[in-house]
Structure formats: structure tokens, C-alpha cells
């Protein structure tokens, strides 16, 4: 498919709703994300249906368990034909390495990335769960662990993208949720950024949900974000 930076989050409670939205989008102009609620309610079939429609699918289940269990789950996800999947970096290097090694033997290996810190968490939240310190420092630590495990990249807030790009180099992917056009509500995200600023900070892929999925014309909303990115890329920095 044509390279695109935008991943549309299909955060729906049913396959019918997700597929109806997908049918209003061009699979050559975006990828899609399937998360926990949709996968739990609709199962693997919704992923397979999206793949049949020509979409690259990011399966966002954030696996976090003992190494063998996570490796087996990643292999099962690969069998669905997903483009990318993720694990929690806080599961440790051995867990991430086990997942990478299991996928490496496959003829069509999906990308494997690690979640650093959920974009709904800030410094106060970290203190409340017994991990005092700055969110930026924890993100950097977990990102470096994912690089040690030789994963393809990380999920991070766009606010940490510039620092992680410098730490990880150009070869690791940075996938950023918490991206909102300037005229959109923040929702439950705390560490957010506009699409053009996220790309300028070093992000490779932008996960965008409600600004597209809740729009009266989702494809038009997607086109508006594409136009913003095009203007941003043409603006001298």
C-alpha cells in the first residue's frame, strides 16, 4: 500500500460499527488499529475482515505476561495477517526478546513495538502507583530496554518523540497516540500534540481516533489531517 503516517483507531464495541467506519475510509490512505474492546467483543474475525478489505492492521493488545506466553500470543496475532502488534516494555527484556525471536522465524513477520508509558498517565499518576519520578525519564528507560531487545520501535507520547528519536536513532519506529488536530477535544489523553508537531518531533506513525471516527465525514477529516501534514512538511523548520 502507499505509505501513510496515519493509523485510525477503530475503538468500537462491535465489528459491524468498526467495519462500517472502515468502509468509509480508503485503505491506501490510512492504516487501522484494533484495540482491546473491539478484539474482545468481535474476536480475530474482525481483524481478518479488515485485512481482506486491504487495510494494514495494528493489533493494539499490549501483551504483558511471562515470555513464553507473550511469544505464543504474538505468533497467533501474526497468523491473522496483522501489520504491527505491541507488547509492554515493562514486561522486561527477556519477554520482549522471546516475542521478537518467535516472530523472526515467520515468512511474513509483523512489526513488533513496545509500549513505554500510557499517554493517560502523568507524573502524579506515576507517584500514585509507586513509581515516583518524571514520565519522560520512565519513557526513556523503557524505550532503551526495547532497543536492547531489538524491537522495531516504541509507542510513546509525541511529547517524548524528539528525545526518543535522539536516543534510539533513525531506525526505530515511533508510534504516537494522543494526537489531536488543533480544533479537537483532548478526551482522556493528557500528553497530546497536533499531527504536524508530532511529525516534526520525530514521530513516524500517528494514532488518531475520535477526530476521524466521530466526524460526520471520516474521509474528509482524514484528508484535512493529510493537508495539515503536507503544509507542515513544506514549512521550513
C-alpha atoms as a PDB file:
ATOM      1  CA  UNK A   1       0.000   0.000   0.000  1.00  0.00           C
ATOM      2  CA  UNK A   2       1.006   3.660  -0.352  1.00  0.00           C
ATOM      3  CA  UNK A   3       2.981   4.822   2.645  1.00  0.00           C
ATOM      4  CA  UNK A   4       0.840   6.695   5.153  1.00  0.00           C
ATOM      5  CA  UNK A   5       1.589   8.039   8.598  1.00  0.00           C
ATOM      6  CA  UNK A   6      -1.998   7.892   9.901  1.00  0.00           C
ATOM      7  CA  UNK A   7      -3.418   4.954  11.857  1.00  0.00           C
ATOM      8  CA  UNK A   8      -7.147   5.285  12.544  1.00  0.00           C
ATOM      9  CA  UNK A   9      -8.156   3.858  15.918  1.00  0.00           C
ATOM     10  CA  UNK A  10     -11.272   1.712  15.470  1.00  0.00           C
ATOM     11  CA  UNK A  11     -12.341   1.980  19.093  1.00  0.00           C
ATOM     12  CA  UNK A  12     -15.791   0.446  18.700  1.00  0.00           C
ATOM     13  CA  UNK A  13     -17.800  -2.110  20.658  1.00  0.00           C
ATOM     14  CA  UNK A  14     -18.848  -4.173  17.647  1.00  0.00           C
ATOM     15  CA  UNK A  15     -17.439  -5.485  14.400  1.00  0.00           C
ATOM     16  CA  UNK A  16     -20.359  -4.001  12.472  1.00  0.00           C
ATOM     17  CA  UNK A  17     -19.579  -0.478  13.680  1.00  0.00           C
ATOM     18  CA  UNK A  18     -15.861  -0.862  13.030  1.00  0.00           C
ATOM     19  CA  UNK A  19     -16.333  -2.289   9.553  1.00  0.00           C
ATOM     20  CA  UNK A  20     -18.936   0.337   8.667  1.00  0.00           C
ATOM     21  CA  UNK A  21     -16.414   3.045   9.520  1.00  0.00           C
ATOM     22  CA  UNK A  22     -13.642   1.207   7.692  1.00  0.00           C
ATOM     23  CA  UNK A  23     -15.809   1.080   4.576  1.00  0.00           C
ATOM     24  CA  UNK A  24     -15.868   4.896   4.622  1.00  0.00           C
ATOM     25  CA  UNK A  25     -12.062   5.087   4.534  1.00  0.00           C
ATOM     26  CA  UNK A  26      -9.523   4.456   1.795  1.00  0.00           C
ATOM     27  CA  UNK A  27      -7.097   1.679   2.849  1.00  0.00           C
ATOM     28  CA  UNK A  28      -4.449   3.276   0.623  1.00  0.00           C
ATOM     29  CA  UNK A  29      -4.545   6.450   2.713  1.00  0.00           C
ATOM     30  CA  UNK A  30      -4.576   5.122   6.264  1.00  0.00           C
ATOM     31  CA  UNK A  31      -3.930   2.101   8.415  1.00  0.00           C
ATOM     32  CA  UNK A  32      -6.259   0.990  11.212  1.00  0.00           C
ATOM     33  CA  UNK A  33      -5.865  -0.021  14.837  1.00  0.00           C
ATOM     34  CA  UNK A  34      -7.837  -2.729  16.626  1.00  0.00           C
ATOM     35  CA  UNK A  35      -7.713  -2.471  20.395  1.00  0.00           C
ATOM     36  CA  UNK A  36      -8.819  -4.447  23.411  1.00  0.00           C
ATOM     37  CA  UNK A  37     -12.558  -3.729  23.449  1.00  0.00           C
ATOM     38  CA  UNK A  38     -13.179  -4.445  19.785  1.00  0.00           C
ATOM     39  CA  UNK A  39     -10.969  -7.542  19.774  1.00  0.00           C
ATOM     40  CA  UNK A  40     -12.566  -8.892  22.962  1.00  0.00           C
ATOM     41  CA  UNK A  41     -16.096  -8.426  21.628  1.00  0.00           C
ATOM     42  CA  UNK A  42     -15.560  -9.301  17.971  1.00  0.00           C
ATOM     43  CA  UNK A  43     -12.566 -11.635  18.119  1.00  0.00           C
ATOM     44  CA  UNK A  44      -9.979 -12.414  15.442  1.00  0.00           C
ATOM     45  CA  UNK A  45     -12.625 -12.324  12.689  1.00  0.00           C
ATOM     46  CA  UNK A  46     -12.760  -8.519  12.674  1.00  0.00           C
ATOM     47  CA  UNK A  47      -9.001  -8.374  12.087  1.00  0.00           C
ATOM     48  CA  UNK A  48      -9.304 -10.836   9.229  1.00  0.00           C
ATOM     49  CA  UNK A  49     -12.152  -8.808   7.698  1.00  0.00           C
ATOM     50  CA  UNK A  50     -10.090  -5.616   7.817  1.00  0.00           C
ATOM     51  CA  UNK A  51      -7.129  -7.371   6.225  1.00  0.00           C
ATOM     52  CA  UNK A  52      -9.415  -8.646   3.447  1.00  0.00           C
ATOM     53  CA  UNK A  53     -10.528  -5.056   2.856  1.00  0.00           C
ATOM     54  CA  UNK A  54      -6.901  -4.133   2.175  1.00  0.00           C
ATOM     55  CA  UNK A  55      -6.033  -2.444   5.465  1.00  0.00           C
ATOM     56  CA  UNK A  56      -2.753  -2.762   7.292  1.00  0.00           C
ATOM     57  CA  UNK A  57      -3.864  -3.610  10.845  1.00  0.00           C
ATOM     58  CA  UNK A  58      -2.099  -2.549  14.031  1.00  0.00           C
ATOM     59  CA  UNK A  59      -3.264  -5.019  16.704  1.00  0.00           C
ATOM     60  CA  UNK A  60      -3.027  -2.979  19.898  1.00  0.00           C
ATOM     61  CA  UNK A  61      -3.384  -5.570  22.672  1.00  0.00           C
ATOM     62  CA  UNK A  62      -0.274  -4.584  24.662  1.00  0.00           C
ATOM     63  CA  UNK A  63       0.776  -8.103  25.639  1.00  0.00           C
ATOM     64  CA  UNK A  64       2.360  -8.322  29.103  1.00  0.00           C
ATOM     65  CA  UNK A  65       2.954 -11.766  30.610  1.00  0.00           C
ATOM     66  CA  UNK A  66       5.688 -14.361  31.027  1.00  0.00           C
ATOM     67  CA  UNK A  67       7.985 -14.632  27.970  1.00  0.00           C
ATOM     68  CA  UNK A  68       6.637 -17.881  26.521  1.00  0.00           C
ATOM     69  CA  UNK A  69       3.010 -16.770  26.822  1.00  0.00           C
ATOM     70  CA  UNK A  70       3.697 -13.436  25.126  1.00  0.00           C
ATOM     71  CA  UNK A  71       5.728 -15.089  22.367  1.00  0.00           C
ATOM     72  CA  UNK A  72       2.890 -17.523  21.632  1.00  0.00           C
ATOM     73  CA  UNK A  73       0.327 -14.716  21.610  1.00  0.00           C
ATOM     74  CA  UNK A  74       2.437 -12.696  19.162  1.00  0.00           C
ATOM     75  CA  UNK A  75       2.725 -15.712  16.861  1.00  0.00           C
ATOM     76  CA  UNK A  76      -1.066 -16.126  16.970  1.00  0.00           C
ATOM     77  CA  UNK A  77      -1.501 -12.452  16.070  1.00  0.00           C
ATOM     78  CA  UNK A  78       0.876 -12.857  13.139  1.00  0.00           C
ATOM     79  CA  UNK A  79      -1.301 -15.684  11.819  1.00  0.00           C
ATOM     80  CA  UNK A  80      -4.118 -13.139  11.432  1.00  0.00           C
ATOM     81  CA  UNK A  81      -2.050 -11.174   8.939  1.00  0.00           C
ATOM     82  CA  UNK A  82      -1.528  -8.095  11.092  1.00  0.00           C
ATOM     83  CA  UNK A  83       0.942  -5.427  10.009  1.00  0.00           C
ATOM     84  CA  UNK A  84       2.042  -4.494  13.531  1.00  0.00           C
ATOM     85  CA  UNK A  85       1.473  -5.539  17.162  1.00  0.00           C
ATOM     86  CA  UNK A  86       2.743  -4.461  20.532  1.00  0.00           C
ATOM     87  CA  UNK A  87       3.880  -5.562  23.975  1.00  0.00           C
ATOM     88  CA  UNK A  88       4.527  -3.654  27.204  1.00  0.00           C
ATOM     89  CA  UNK A  89       8.198  -2.763  27.595  1.00  0.00           C
ATOM     90  CA  UNK A  90       7.692  -3.030  31.354  1.00  0.00           C
ATOM     91  CA  UNK A  91       7.456  -6.801  30.826  1.00  0.00           C
ATOM     92  CA  UNK A  92      11.239  -6.766  30.578  1.00  0.00           C
ATOM     93  CA  UNK A  93      13.948  -7.565  28.054  1.00  0.00           C
ATOM     94  CA  UNK A  94      13.542 -11.360  28.247  1.00  0.00           C
ATOM     95  CA  UNK A  95       9.835 -11.100  27.429  1.00  0.00           C
ATOM     96  CA  UNK A  96      10.431  -8.755  24.513  1.00  0.00           C
ATOM     97  CA  UNK A  97      13.255 -10.879  23.146  1.00  0.00           C
ATOM     98  CA  UNK A  98      11.120 -14.016  23.311  1.00  0.00           C
ATOM     99  CA  UNK A  99       8.408 -12.314  21.268  1.00  0.00           C
ATOM    100  CA  UNK A 100      10.886 -10.995  18.707  1.00  0.00           C
ATOM    101  CA  UNK A 101      12.574 -14.368  18.302  1.00  0.00           C
ATOM    102  CA  UNK A 102       9.258 -16.156  17.798  1.00  0.00           C
ATOM    103  CA  UNK A 103       8.241 -13.712  15.083  1.00  0.00           C
ATOM    104  CA  UNK A 104      11.647 -13.753  13.384  1.00  0.00           C
ATOM    105  CA  UNK A 105      11.099 -17.287  12.092  1.00  0.00           C
ATOM    106  CA  UNK A 106       7.896 -16.400  10.257  1.00  0.00           C
ATOM    107  CA  UNK A 107       7.859 -15.889   6.471  1.00  0.00           C
ATOM    108  CA  UNK A 108       5.847 -12.672   6.847  1.00  0.00           C
ATOM    109  CA  UNK A 109       6.879 -11.040  10.090  1.00  0.00           C
ATOM    110  CA  UNK A 110       4.752  -8.223  11.509  1.00  0.00           C
ATOM    111  CA  UNK A 111       6.387  -5.228  13.115  1.00  0.00           C
ATOM    112  CA  UNK A 112       6.799  -5.554  16.874  1.00  0.00           C
ATOM    113  CA  UNK A 113       6.824  -2.445  19.016  1.00  0.00           C
ATOM    114  CA  UNK A 114       6.752  -1.770  22.751  1.00  0.00           C
ATOM    115  CA  UNK A 115       4.513   0.468  24.831  1.00  0.00           C
ATOM    116  CA  UNK A 116       6.570   2.757  27.032  1.00  0.00           C
ATOM    117  CA  UNK A 117       4.076   4.686  29.155  1.00  0.00           C
ATOM    118  CA  UNK A 118       0.354   5.097  28.522  1.00  0.00           C
ATOM    119  CA  UNK A 119      -0.480   8.615  27.351  1.00  0.00           C
ATOM    120  CA  UNK A 120      -3.204   8.833  30.012  1.00  0.00           C
ATOM    121  CA  UNK A 121      -0.534   8.840  32.740  1.00  0.00           C
ATOM    122  CA  UNK A 122       1.434  11.828  34.021  1.00  0.00           C
ATOM    123  CA  UNK A 123       3.926  12.409  36.845  1.00  0.00           C
ATOM    124  CA  UNK A 124       1.223  12.462  39.542  1.00  0.00           C
ATOM    125  CA  UNK A 125      -0.181   9.159  38.308  1.00  0.00           C
ATOM    126  CA  UNK A 126       3.261   7.556  38.447  1.00  0.00           C
ATOM    127  CA  UNK A 127       3.698   8.684  42.046  1.00  0.00           C
ATOM    128  CA  UNK A 128       0.277   7.279  42.930  1.00  0.00           C
ATOM    129  CA  UNK A 129       1.232   3.795  41.659  1.00  0.00           C
ATOM    130  CA  UNK A 130       4.560   3.763  43.481  1.00  0.00           C
ATOM    131  CA  UNK A 131       6.824   4.874  40.617  1.00  0.00           C
ATOM    132  CA  UNK A 132       7.842   8.413  41.589  1.00  0.00           C
ATOM    133  CA  UNK A 133       9.720  10.440  39.030  1.00  0.00           C
ATOM    134  CA  UNK A 134       9.107  12.104  35.721  1.00  0.00           C
ATOM    135  CA  UNK A 135       7.130  10.411  32.970  1.00  0.00           C
ATOM    136  CA  UNK A 136       9.801  11.452  30.454  1.00  0.00           C
ATOM    137  CA  UNK A 137      12.516   9.594  32.389  1.00  0.00           C
ATOM    138  CA  UNK A 138      10.464   6.403  32.622  1.00  0.00           C
ATOM    139  CA  UNK A 139       9.646   6.543  28.927  1.00  0.00           C
ATOM    140  CA  UNK A 140      13.355   6.874  28.078  1.00  0.00           C
ATOM    141  CA  UNK A 141      14.280   3.896  30.273  1.00  0.00           C
ATOM    142  CA  UNK A 142      11.612   1.640  28.783  1.00  0.00           C
ATOM    143  CA  UNK A 143      12.433   2.737  25.231  1.00  0.00           C
ATOM    144  CA  UNK A 144      16.084   1.850  25.750  1.00  0.00           C
ATOM    145  CA  UNK A 145      15.075  -1.588  27.057  1.00  0.00           C
ATOM    146  CA  UNK A 146      13.019  -2.153  23.901  1.00  0.00           C
ATOM    147  CA  UNK A 147      16.032  -1.229  21.771  1.00  0.00           C
ATOM    148  CA  UNK A 148      18.159  -3.651  23.780  1.00  0.00           C
ATOM    149  CA  UNK A 149      15.616  -6.343  22.897  1.00  0.00           C
ATOM    150  CA  UNK A 150      15.896  -5.229  19.229  1.00  0.00           C
ATOM    151  CA  UNK A 151      12.229  -4.400  18.747  1.00  0.00           C
ATOM    152  CA  UNK A 152      11.165  -2.347  15.744  1.00  0.00           C
ATOM    153  CA  UNK A 153      10.150   0.672  17.783  1.00  0.00           C
ATOM    154  CA  UNK A 154       8.008   2.025  20.575  1.00  0.00           C
ATOM    155  CA  UNK A 155       4.659   3.566  21.344  1.00  0.00           C
ATOM    156  CA  UNK A 156       5.197   6.911  23.037  1.00  0.00           C
ATOM    157  CA  UNK A 157       3.635  10.293  23.534  1.00  0.00           C
ATOM    158  CA  UNK A 158       4.533  12.807  20.846  1.00  0.00           C
ATOM    159  CA  UNK A 159       5.916  14.941  23.660  1.00  0.00           C
ATOM    160  CA  UNK A 160       8.683  12.389  24.164  1.00  0.00           C
ATOM    161  CA  UNK A 161       9.284  11.762  20.457  1.00  0.00           C
ATOM    162  CA  UNK A 162      12.116  14.253  19.988  1.00  0.00           C
ATOM    163  CA  UNK A 163      14.109  12.856  22.912  1.00  0.00           C
ATOM    164  CA  UNK A 164      13.487   9.249  21.864  1.00  0.00           C
ATOM    165  CA  UNK A 165      14.482   9.950  18.274  1.00  0.00           C
ATOM    166  CA  UNK A 166      17.814  11.237  19.561  1.00  0.00           C
ATOM    167  CA  UNK A 167      18.240   8.235  21.879  1.00  0.00           C
ATOM    168  CA  UNK A 168      17.107   5.471  19.520  1.00  0.00           C
ATOM    169  CA  UNK A 169      18.330   6.780  16.181  1.00  0.00           C
ATOM    170  CA  UNK A 170      16.503   6.823  12.854  1.00  0.00           C
ATOM    171  CA  UNK A 171      15.955   3.079  12.506  1.00  0.00           C
ATOM    172  CA  UNK A 172      13.406   2.646  15.331  1.00  0.00           C
ATOM    173  CA  UNK A 173       9.760   3.471  14.714  1.00  0.00           C
ATOM    174  CA  UNK A 174       7.979   5.962  16.944  1.00  0.00           C
ATOM    175  CA  UNK A 175       4.218   5.397  17.061  1.00  0.00           C
ATOM    176  CA  UNK A 176       2.336   8.170  18.819  1.00  0.00           C
ATOM    177  CA  UNK A 177      -1.197   8.126  20.235  1.00  0.00           C
ATOM    178  CA  UNK A 178      -2.568  11.212  21.914  1.00  0.00           C
ATOM    179  CA  UNK A 179      -2.535  13.108  18.592  1.00  0.00           C
ATOM    180  CA  UNK A 180      -5.294  15.676  18.128  1.00  0.00           C
ATOM    181  CA  UNK A 181      -5.869  18.320  15.451  1.00  0.00           C
ATOM    182  CA  UNK A 182      -5.782  21.806  16.965  1.00  0.00           C
ATOM    183  CA  UNK A 183      -9.590  22.151  16.989  1.00  0.00           C
ATOM    184  CA  UNK A 184     -10.256  18.771  18.698  1.00  0.00           C
ATOM    185  CA  UNK A 185     -11.044  17.985  22.332  1.00  0.00           C
ATOM    186  CA  UNK A 186      -8.364  16.241  24.404  1.00  0.00           C
ATOM    187  CA  UNK A 187     -10.635  13.428  25.598  1.00  0.00           C
ATOM    188  CA  UNK A 188      -8.861  11.225  28.172  1.00  0.00           C
ATOM    189  CA  UNK A 189      -5.365  11.904  26.816  1.00  0.00           C
ATOM    190  CA  UNK A 190      -3.021  14.115  28.848  1.00  0.00           C
ATOM    191  CA  UNK A 191       0.239  14.232  26.891  1.00  0.00           C
ATOM    192  CA  UNK A 192      -1.052  15.285  23.474  1.00  0.00           C
ATOM    193  CA  UNK A 193       0.196  17.145  20.368  1.00  0.00           C
ATOM    194  CA  UNK A 194      -1.122  18.179  16.960  1.00  0.00           C
ATOM    195  CA  UNK A 195      -0.306  15.948  13.953  1.00  0.00           C
ATOM    196  CA  UNK A 196       2.173  18.314  12.293  1.00  0.00           C
ATOM    197  CA  UNK A 197       4.008  18.984  15.534  1.00  0.00           C
ATOM    198  CA  UNK A 198       4.182  15.253  16.295  1.00  0.00           C
ATOM    199  CA  UNK A 199       5.794  14.534  12.915  1.00  0.00           C
ATOM    200  CA  UNK A 200       8.194  17.449  13.385  1.00  0.00           C
ATOM    201  CA  UNK A 201       9.165  15.973  16.762  1.00  0.00           C
ATOM    202  CA  UNK A 202      10.184  12.699  15.118  1.00  0.00           C
ATOM    203  CA  UNK A 203       7.051  10.514  15.085  1.00  0.00           C
ATOM    204  CA  UNK A 204       6.682   8.002  12.246  1.00  0.00           C
ATOM    205  CA  UNK A 205       3.040   6.983  12.709  1.00  0.00           C
ATOM    206  CA  UNK A 206       0.151   8.883  14.302  1.00  0.00           C
ATOM    207  CA  UNK A 207      -2.702   7.038  16.015  1.00  0.00           C
ATOM    208  CA  UNK A 208      -5.834   9.169  15.666  1.00  0.00           C
ATOM    209  CA  UNK A 209      -9.292   8.088  16.769  1.00  0.00           C
ATOM    210  CA  UNK A 210     -12.234  10.334  17.545  1.00  0.00           C
ATOM    211  CA  UNK A 211     -11.205  13.321  15.379  1.00  0.00           C
ATOM    212  CA  UNK A 212     -11.709  10.961  12.416  1.00  0.00           C
ATOM    213  CA  UNK A 213     -14.147   8.301  13.624  1.00  0.00           C
ATOM    214  CA  UNK A 214     -16.583  10.777  15.221  1.00  0.00           C
ATOM    215  CA  UNK A 215     -16.553  13.120  12.227  1.00  0.00           C
ATOM    216  CA  UNK A 216     -19.618  13.425  10.014  1.00  0.00           C
ATOM    217  CA  UNK A 217     -17.358  12.598   7.062  1.00  0.00           C
ATOM    218  CA  UNK A 218     -14.421  10.464   8.288  1.00  0.00           C
ATOM    219  CA  UNK A 219     -12.616  10.518   4.938  1.00  0.00           C
ATOM    220  CA  UNK A 220     -12.869  14.318   4.807  1.00  0.00           C
ATOM    221  CA  UNK A 221     -11.466  14.514   8.355  1.00  0.00           C
ATOM    222  CA  UNK A 222      -8.611  12.255   7.293  1.00  0.00           C
ATOM    223  CA  UNK A 223      -7.998  14.463   4.250  1.00  0.00           C
ATOM    224  CA  UNK A 224      -7.840  17.556   6.462  1.00  0.00           C
ATOM    225  CA  UNK A 225      -5.167  15.940   8.630  1.00  0.00           C
ATOM    226  CA  UNK A 226      -3.246  14.911   5.499  1.00  0.00           C
ATOM    227  CA  UNK A 227      -3.393  18.524   4.332  1.00  0.00           C
ATOM    228  CA  UNK A 228      -2.092  19.729   7.696  1.00  0.00           C
ATOM    229  CA  UNK A 229       0.817  17.304   7.464  1.00  0.00           C
ATOM    230  CA  UNK A 230       1.570  18.391   3.898  1.00  0.00           C
ATOM    231  CA  UNK A 231       1.682  22.065   4.928  1.00  0.00           C
ATOM    232  CA  UNK A 232       3.832  21.204   7.932  1.00  0.00           C
ATOM    233  CA  UNK A 233       6.332  19.251   5.849  1.00  0.00           C
ATOM    234  CA  UNK A 234       6.660  22.212   3.457  1.00  0.00           C
ATOM    235  CA  UNK A 235       7.255  24.720   6.239  1.00  0.00           C
ATOM    236  CA  UNK A 236      10.939  25.493   6.987  1.00  0.00           C
ATOM    237  CA  UNK A 237      11.945  24.419  10.495  1.00  0.00           C
END
